[in-house]
């Protein structure tokens, strides 16, 4: 029986926007026809939940189109809450673009009073930088962005916010594993609902296009850190429901909206779920294949903004985990990435949840650990190495040494212009590590003409503790770099050919990044969220600003 008044459960989320087309995602409280600007789609059902992705076309290039959402003809969005109208801002093919980015947002609701110090906050989380950015944009205090790039940990399945925790307690005994964490698809739906339902976050997602990719906490801390970890998790009686729920919800809440309308038209699973009475069984079988076979689906994708390309890489689900052969990305997906990184661009932006270039100390530590876990110092050392790997989260690109070198070779190839004009900049975006910094990369070996940078911005809201910050500073010191480099060489790791240095940071605040591209010029800014004494709301203060390239230079 349908509710008396149709309503949205979650959304709308404005996902893809081009010059004449856009996609709008919704979750509803029943089966309806969804209408956005006269373009309609029927909801489809997954385990009793209802979703639709509406493709809007025929928009005017360079226009601003305010929109409503109708369910069976009834207007259900926008709310009359005094916020600016949500609208679709189309592009006209211009060579300017502005990307907002960051990662790691614990979804506990943000409420006044605001605090500038995480230690003062009752949950120790401080001000949510994404929330602060939404408030700033509503007040027309920031230039309009072309996309919001969410670099992982959109939700924390192992650190659930209060409403989701209360829901979990009504369903099962949390004294039994997995305890107060998310256990299955139904609980994931509540987690996404709470994480994205704050009115300011909901407004932001309804009017700024978003591109997303998952990281470990979207599933479980240290997800796919090693083959041994995977085997241990699969032996747990509750794990299959958790991992299938994670992939089901990721496909629904994040992946579908990453696709452009032409890609959606080719997405066979999307066509099939719309024909099912309830697609729960189909999507669950697909999710299980995704967990067991890295090539079951490709999560990497790209978006173009004029002559700039954003290439988003999956550095979690596509892993090959074998101590004899460890790759961050399987061969089939890597070939796709290499193919789509080439072309005549002003700028290539490569987004991976995990930074490729980290502090030298951590880089050498992770390379050493990988070699030791593979048996370079014998079996007892390998067992100790596995403990160290998990205890200190040694799972980034340097911990997949061959994949790291593969990325470096790709960057060199693009920078030399082997299949098109070299871009002025190649910018690697990363999150995960709860620090913010800008590093300049020198690739070596006839590196080409592009300027290459790594920009890391994390977290939106989940800062490191003071002890964790001290550990990061210690492992990033020159003495630590020297010690770990010697250990890496002693375990047979070949020295890396590129050189890099931090030109800004690291810092440890709740932060949000901005990449501004204008012709062949590029600038990056990282701002921290704070509460200003005497002011009614939060502010964003500049932490780092860096000119990556000037117009006409590469």
Foldseek 3Di string as FASTA:
>chain_A
DDDPDKEFLADQFWADAEFFKTKTKTKIQDWFWKDKPRFTDTWFAAPNTTMDITMGGRHHGQDKAFIFIDTNRHTHDDDPPPFDTATEGYHDLAQWFKEWEAEADEQADDDDPAFFALVPDPVSWGDQLLLQVLVCVRVVNDDAHQEYEYFACLFAQLRAYDVLLVVVVVPDDLVDPPRSGDQAQVSLVVRVSRSQVDVSSNSVSHHHHYAYAYDARLQHPCAPLAPVVVVVLVPDPRNLRRQLSSQLCCVRPHQVSNDDVVVNVVPPVNVVSSPDNHCNVVSSVLSSCLQVAVVSDARWDWDDDNQEIETEHEQHSQWDHDLVATASHDPVNVVVSLVVQADAGQEYEYEHQFFLDDQLLLLLQLLLLSLQLSQLPHDVSVVVSVVVCSVVVSRGNSNNVVNSVVVLVSQQCLQANVPYDRHQAYEYEYEDPQWWFKKWKASDDNRHFHTYIYTYHDDSIDWDDPVVVVVSVVSNDPVSSVVSNVSSVSSPHDDHRMDMDTPFDTDRANKMKMWIGHASWIKIWIWHWRCDPPDPDIHTHTRDIDTRDDHPGD
